[in-house]
Protein backbone atom coordinates (compact mmCIF):
# COMPACT_ATOMS: atom_id res chain seq x y z
CA UNK A 1 140.26 69.08 87.66
CA UNK A 2 142.45 66.01 87.98
CA UNK A 3 140.39 62.91 88.74
CA UNK A 4 137.13 64.81 88.18
CA UNK A 5 137.45 65.20 84.41
CA UNK A 6 134.85 62.45 83.93
CA UNK A 7 131.30 63.88 84.38
CA UNK A 8 130.08 60.67 86.05
CA UNK A 9 132.91 60.91 88.59
CA UNK A 10 132.00 64.53 89.30
CA UNK A 11 128.31 63.73 89.81
CA UNK A 12 129.17 60.82 92.07
CA UNK A 13 131.42 63.00 94.21
CA UNK A 14 128.89 65.86 94.40
CA UNK A 15 125.98 63.65 95.42
CA UNK A 16 128.12 61.78 97.94
CA UNK A 17 128.97 65.13 99.54
CA UNK A 18 125.36 66.34 99.46
CA UNK A 19 124.09 63.15 101.07
CA UNK A 20 126.67 63.02 103.88
CA UNK A 21 125.30 63.65 107.36
CA UNK A 22 127.85 66.43 107.91
CA UNK A 23 126.12 68.65 105.35
CA UNK A 24 122.56 67.33 105.66
CA UNK A 25 122.31 67.97 109.39
CA UNK A 26 123.87 71.44 109.50
CA UNK A 27 121.86 74.34 110.84
CA UNK A 28 121.69 75.41 107.18
CA UNK A 29 121.59 72.05 105.39
CA UNK A 30 122.92 71.56 101.90
CA UNK A 31 125.91 72.68 99.88
CA UNK A 32 126.53 75.62 97.59
CA UNK A 33 128.30 75.46 94.28
CA UNK A 34 131.06 77.55 95.81
CA UNK A 35 131.48 75.13 98.73
CA UNK A 36 131.60 72.07 96.46
CA UNK A 37 134.23 73.83 94.35
CA UNK A 38 136.32 74.47 97.48
CA UNK A 39 136.03 70.84 98.64
CA UNK A 40 136.70 69.19 95.29
CA UNK A 41 138.67 71.83 93.32
CA UNK A 42 136.16 71.42 90.48
CA UNK A 43 135.68 74.85 88.82
CA UNK A 44 132.40 76.58 89.67
CA UNK A 45 131.53 76.89 85.96
CA UNK A 46 131.82 73.12 85.51
CA UNK A 47 129.61 72.42 88.57
CA UNK A 48 126.96 74.82 87.25
CA UNK A 49 127.04 73.07 83.88
CA UNK A 50 126.64 69.64 85.54
CA UNK A 51 123.74 70.85 87.69
CA UNK A 52 122.02 72.41 84.69
CA UNK A 53 122.25 69.03 82.95
CA UNK A 54 120.82 67.18 85.96
CA UNK A 55 117.89 69.53 86.49
CA UNK A 56 117.01 69.80 82.80
CA UNK A 57 117.48 66.19 81.67
CA UNK A 58 115.18 63.20 81.83
CA UNK A 59 116.94 61.39 84.64
CA UNK A 60 116.39 59.96 88.09
CA UNK A 61 118.84 62.28 89.82
CA UNK A 62 116.69 65.40 89.57
CA UNK A 63 113.91 63.70 91.55
CA UNK A 64 116.10 63.80 94.66
CA UNK A 65 117.94 67.12 94.32
CA UNK A 66 116.28 70.25 95.63
CA UNK A 67 117.58 73.84 95.65
CA UNK A 68 116.60 75.95 98.65
CA UNK A 69 114.86 78.44 96.34
CA UNK A 70 113.18 75.71 94.25
CA UNK A 71 114.57 73.90 91.21
CA UNK A 72 112.82 75.97 88.54
CA UNK A 73 114.00 79.27 90.02
CA UNK A 74 117.46 77.79 90.52
CA UNK A 75 117.61 76.79 86.83
CA UNK A 76 116.67 80.34 85.83
CA UNK A 77 119.34 81.70 88.15
CA UNK A 78 121.96 79.38 86.65
CA UNK A 79 121.09 80.68 83.19
CA UNK A 80 121.47 84.35 84.17
CA UNK A 81 125.11 85.37 83.77
CA UNK A 82 124.48 88.65 85.59
CA UNK A 83 123.52 86.76 88.76
CA UNK A 84 126.39 84.27 88.87
CA UNK A 85 127.30 85.31 92.42
CA UNK A 86 123.76 84.54 93.60
CA UNK A 87 123.79 81.16 91.84
CA UNK A 88 127.02 79.90 93.38
CA UNK A 89 125.77 80.68 96.89
CA UNK A 90 122.39 78.92 96.69
CA UNK A 91 122.27 75.81 98.87
CA UNK A 92 120.98 72.63 97.31
CA UNK A 93 120.46 69.22 98.82
CA UNK A 94 120.18 65.56 97.94
CA UNK A 95 116.98 64.23 99.54
CA UNK A 96 118.47 61.06 101.01
CA UNK A 97 115.37 60.22 103.07
CA UNK A 98 113.03 60.60 100.10
CA UNK A 99 115.16 58.20 98.08
CA UNK A 100 115.37 55.69 100.95
CA UNK A 101 111.57 55.51 101.11
CA UNK A 102 111.47 54.39 97.50
CA UNK A 103 113.44 51.23 98.13
CA UNK A 104 111.39 49.96 101.06
CA UNK A 105 109.20 46.95 100.47
CA UNK A 106 105.77 47.87 99.16
CA UNK A 107 106.83 51.22 97.74
CA UNK A 108 106.76 52.13 94.07
CA UNK A 109 109.84 51.09 92.02
CA UNK A 110 112.60 53.52 91.11
CA UNK A 111 113.78 53.55 87.53
CA UNK A 112 117.54 53.87 87.29
CA UNK A 113 120.20 53.82 84.61
CA UNK A 114 123.17 51.54 85.33
CA UNK A 115 125.21 54.63 86.23
CA UNK A 116 122.54 55.92 88.60
CA UNK A 117 122.28 52.52 90.25
CA UNK A 118 126.01 52.40 90.92
CA UNK A 119 125.99 55.97 92.16
CA UNK A 120 123.15 55.42 94.62
CA UNK A 121 124.70 52.17 95.79
CA UNK A 122 127.76 54.18 96.77
CA UNK A 123 125.71 56.90 98.45
CA UNK A 124 123.49 54.49 100.39
CA UNK A 125 126.34 52.07 101.18
CA UNK A 126 124.41 49.19 99.65
CA UNK A 127 126.07 46.49 97.60
CA UNK A 128 122.79 45.60 95.93
CA UNK A 129 119.19 46.77 95.66
CA UNK A 130 115.93 44.89 96.00
CA UNK A 131 113.68 44.04 93.05
CA UNK A 132 111.99 47.40 93.59
CA UNK A 133 114.87 48.94 91.64
CA UNK A 134 114.37 48.58 87.91
CA UNK A 135 117.21 49.23 85.50
CA UNK A 136 116.24 51.22 82.42
CA UNK A 137 118.12 52.15 79.28
CA UNK A 138 120.94 54.62 79.90
CA UNK A 139 120.13 58.32 79.64
CA UNK A 140 122.91 60.00 77.72
CA UNK A 141 123.61 63.67 78.25
CA UNK A 142 124.71 65.60 75.17
CA UNK A 143 127.28 68.26 76.15
CA UNK A 144 126.35 71.82 75.23
CA UNK A 145 129.32 72.24 72.88
CA UNK A 146 128.35 69.04 71.02
CA UNK A 147 124.86 70.44 70.45
CA UNK A 148 126.41 73.64 69.09
CA UNK A 149 128.69 71.63 66.76
CA UNK A 150 125.70 69.69 65.44
CA UNK A 151 124.15 72.96 64.28
CA UNK A 152 127.34 74.11 62.52
CA UNK A 153 127.79 70.76 60.78
CA UNK A 154 124.13 70.59 59.68
CA UNK A 155 124.46 74.03 58.07
CA UNK A 156 127.72 73.02 56.38
CA UNK A 157 126.14 69.85 54.95
CA UNK A 158 123.09 71.75 53.70
CA UNK A 159 125.23 74.39 51.96
CA UNK A 160 128.01 72.01 50.78
CA UNK A 161 130.62 73.86 52.83
CA UNK A 162 133.66 71.99 54.18
CA UNK A 163 134.44 72.04 57.91
CA UNK A 164 137.74 72.40 59.77
CA UNK A 165 138.48 71.50 63.39
CA UNK A 166 141.01 70.19 65.88
CA UNK A 167 140.55 66.54 66.77
CA UNK A 168 141.79 64.59 69.80
CA UNK A 169 142.26 60.92 68.99
CA UNK A 170 144.24 58.14 70.65
CA UNK A 171 147.20 59.17 68.51
CA UNK A 172 147.05 62.75 69.77
CA UNK A 173 145.66 66.05 68.49
CA UNK A 174 145.56 66.82 64.78
CA UNK A 175 144.14 69.63 62.68
CA UNK A 176 141.54 68.50 60.15
CA UNK A 177 141.15 71.07 57.36
CA UNK A 178 138.39 71.45 54.76
CA UNK A 179 136.69 68.11 55.26
CA UNK A 180 133.67 67.12 53.17
CA UNK A 181 131.09 66.56 55.94
CA UNK A 182 128.01 64.64 54.80
CA UNK A 183 126.12 63.16 57.73
CA UNK A 184 125.60 63.39 61.50
CA UNK A 185 125.31 59.90 62.91
CA UNK A 186 124.36 58.71 66.41
CA UNK A 187 125.44 55.15 67.19
CA UNK A 188 122.78 53.00 68.85
CA UNK A 189 125.18 50.86 70.89
CA UNK A 190 126.95 53.66 72.77
CA UNK A 191 125.05 56.82 71.82
CA UNK A 192 128.11 58.67 70.50
CA UNK A 193 127.49 61.35 67.88
CA UNK A 194 129.77 61.28 64.85
CA UNK A 195 130.34 63.49 61.85
CA UNK A 196 130.78 61.27 58.79
CA UNK A 197 132.97 62.96 56.22
CA UNK A 198 134.84 61.98 53.07
CA UNK A 199 138.50 62.59 52.31
CA UNK A 200 140.07 63.38 48.93
CA UNK A 201 139.97 59.68 47.97
CA UNK A 202 136.24 59.61 48.80
CA UNK A 203 136.84 57.29 51.75
CA UNK A 204 134.47 57.84 54.69
CA UNK A 205 135.90 58.94 58.03
CA UNK A 206 134.11 59.06 61.37
CA UNK A 207 134.85 61.89 63.84
CA UNK A 208 133.27 62.01 67.30
CA UNK A 209 131.87 65.44 68.08
CA UNK A 210 132.90 65.28 71.74
CA UNK A 211 136.55 65.01 70.62
CA UNK A 212 136.38 68.11 68.41
CA UNK A 213 137.42 71.67 69.23
CA UNK A 214 137.62 74.94 67.28
CA UNK A 215 135.08 73.70 64.74
CA UNK A 216 134.22 76.10 61.92
CA UNK A 217 132.52 75.93 58.54
CA UNK A 218 134.50 77.25 55.56
CA UNK A 219 131.72 79.40 54.09
CA UNK A 220 133.90 80.69 51.23
CA UNK A 221 134.35 77.17 49.81
CA UNK A 222 131.95 74.64 48.31
CA UNK A 223 132.44 70.86 48.17
CA UNK A 224 131.66 68.73 45.09
CA UNK A 225 128.69 66.31 45.25
CA UNK A 226 129.34 62.76 46.40
CA UNK A 227 129.28 59.84 43.93
CA UNK A 228 126.36 57.42 44.12
CA UNK A 229 128.32 54.67 45.89
CA UNK A 230 129.26 57.06 48.72
CA UNK A 231 125.63 58.09 49.20
CA UNK A 232 124.66 54.41 49.23
CA UNK A 233 127.15 53.82 52.05
CA UNK A 234 125.56 56.60 54.13
CA UNK A 235 122.11 55.03 53.72
CA UNK A 236 123.19 51.61 55.03
CA UNK A 237 125.78 52.17 57.76
CA UNK A 238 125.07 50.77 61.21
CA UNK A 239 127.77 51.89 63.62
CA UNK A 240 131.30 53.21 63.43
CA UNK A 241 132.74 49.77 62.65
CA UNK A 242 131.46 50.30 59.10
CA UNK A 243 133.61 53.43 58.75
CA UNK A 244 136.08 51.80 56.37
CA UNK A 245 133.50 52.08 53.63
CA UNK A 246 134.19 48.57 52.38
CA UNK A 247 131.73 46.66 54.56
CA UNK A 248 129.29 44.46 52.66
CA UNK A 249 125.63 45.43 52.79
CA UNK A 250 123.47 42.54 54.01
CA UNK A 251 119.83 41.99 54.91
CA UNK A 252 118.85 41.38 58.54
CA UNK A 253 115.61 40.08 60.01
CA UNK A 254 115.05 40.03 63.75
CA UNK A 255 112.18 38.46 65.68
CA UNK A 256 110.95 40.55 68.63
CA UNK A 257 109.10 39.08 71.62
CA UNK A 258 106.71 41.80 72.75
CA UNK A 259 106.08 40.33 76.21
CA UNK A 260 109.06 42.46 77.29
CA UNK A 261 107.61 45.79 78.43
CA UNK A 262 107.82 48.62 75.85
CA UNK A 263 110.34 46.76 73.69
CA UNK A 264 108.51 47.48 70.43
CA UNK A 265 108.36 51.22 71.10
CA UNK A 266 112.05 51.25 72.09
CA UNK A 267 113.11 49.54 68.88
CA UNK A 268 110.82 51.80 66.89
CA UNK A 269 112.49 54.83 68.48
CA UNK A 270 115.99 53.43 67.85
CA UNK A 271 115.34 52.78 64.17
CA UNK A 272 113.11 55.71 63.24
CA UNK A 273 115.77 57.28 60.99
CA UNK A 274 116.73 54.08 59.16
CA UNK A 275 116.02 54.55 55.44
CA UNK A 276 115.51 50.85 54.72
CA UNK A 277 114.34 49.74 58.16
CA UNK A 278 110.92 48.13 58.55
CA UNK A 279 109.24 47.27 61.87
CA UNK A 280 105.98 45.34 61.68
CA UNK A 281 103.77 43.03 63.76
CA UNK A 282 103.15 39.34 63.14
CA UNK A 283 99.80 38.82 61.45
CA UNK A 284 98.94 35.76 63.55
CA UNK A 285 100.67 36.27 66.90
CA UNK A 286 100.08 39.61 68.66
CA UNK A 287 103.07 38.98 70.95
CA UNK A 288 105.55 38.88 68.06
CA UNK A 289 107.01 41.64 65.86
CA UNK A 290 109.80 41.74 63.29
CA UNK A 291 112.46 44.22 62.26
CA UNK A 292 114.13 44.07 58.83
CA UNK A 293 116.82 46.28 57.33
CA UNK A 294 119.71 46.38 54.85
CA UNK A 295 122.82 47.32 56.82
CA UNK A 296 126.61 47.54 56.81
CA UNK A 297 128.39 47.09 60.13
CA UNK A 298 127.77 43.80 61.94
CA UNK A 299 129.73 44.51 65.14
CA UNK A 300 127.70 47.56 66.15
CA UNK A 301 124.49 45.79 65.15
CA UNK A 302 125.34 42.87 67.46
CA UNK A 303 126.13 45.25 70.33
CA UNK A 304 122.74 46.90 69.82
CA UNK A 305 120.94 43.54 69.77
CA UNK A 306 122.60 42.47 73.04
CA UNK A 307 120.90 45.37 74.83
CA UNK A 308 117.63 43.48 74.39
CA UNK A 309 118.95 40.08 75.46
CA UNK A 310 116.58 37.15 74.95
CA UNK A 311 113.79 39.50 73.81
CA UNK A 312 115.15 39.43 70.25
CA UNK A 313 116.21 36.58 67.97
CA UNK A 314 118.20 36.92 64.73
CA UNK A 315 116.52 35.05 61.87
CA UNK A 316 118.60 36.37 58.96
CA UNK A 317 121.39 36.12 57.96
CA UNK A 318 122.22 32.68 59.33
CA UNK A 319 125.90 33.53 59.86
CA UNK A 320 124.93 36.43 62.13
CA UNK A 321 122.52 34.22 64.07
CA UNK A 322 125.34 31.70 64.54
CA UNK A 323 127.72 34.42 65.80
CA UNK A 324 125.11 35.60 68.32
CA UNK A 325 124.54 32.00 69.44
CA UNK A 326 128.26 31.27 69.89
CA UNK A 327 128.70 34.49 71.86
CA UNK A 328 125.85 33.49 74.19
CA UNK A 329 127.36 30.01 74.63
CA UNK A 330 130.73 31.50 75.63
CA UNK A 331 129.08 33.73 78.22
CA UNK A 332 127.11 30.82 79.64
CA UNK A 333 130.28 28.72 79.91
CA UNK A 334 131.92 31.54 81.87
CA UNK A 335 129.10 31.59 84.42
CA UNK A 336 129.10 27.79 84.62
CA UNK A 337 132.78 27.91 85.60
CA UNK A 338 131.81 30.16 88.52
CA UNK A 339 129.14 27.63 89.58
CA UNK A 340 131.72 24.84 89.50
CA UNK A 341 134.17 26.88 91.55
CA UNK A 342 131.51 27.67 94.18
CA UNK A 343 130.51 24.02 94.58
């Protein structure tokens, strides 16, 4: 696939093609999966998978894509392997005009992820959008094979079976055999799903599921139980930067300013699986809430906090509050240098 190995690049290219006047103004408007494959050299199976993700996910893109036979029927057709030939020849379109109406003054706002905003900016040839465009938290698509791997790993953990798989890291591919898998972990800062496992020395190792292949559970083997200190590590980790297993556990307390729309519910959703996490409202000020937890992994925690900007304030520990403050100062100084250069 060459330059189209990245799913965001593929989606950008497909929607750019669908929105071009050449294909929107044809006697039979729209593009088929087969035609897109011919134009881009992206395999038809990959295009079908991408479209299935768009039409099934909670995302802005599906609001502006329409199959000539209707999206629901098109999704059913995509899922029917016996009708693959029919699926690849259905025309579907990007409703450019419908989207354009949304960004006119006085119209309702469009909620976009940062990726969607950049994609539509390219399609509409706009360098920026008006205030009608609101940026929301990114919507992360979980590849189908990752979902399948989650099921295999959950079963292995429940039955104390080791897992084996091929793993592509920066150092290259390696074969991981009979690993003691103990937890599936989704990072809050970048939404990557990891399998946390322990090696023979009982050191934790993090493996991203999207970098695995040929995963299998070794059902004829059983792993020994983990010692208490290893289980304690699993209960406190916050992010893959704690993967060394030697990170100190520390208490955090964060002040939350609820005047930011839906921030409390977002943080509640983010932290719902935290064993020691506690989210509660201020007894005297209805616009304030607090989140407390005992964690290991300060770097990932700071990345997560930065998603909420000035809507959150670190109260404890003081050293973490100071690090967040110094980071904000450095960013401000960078922007001030731009102001000086402009003047």
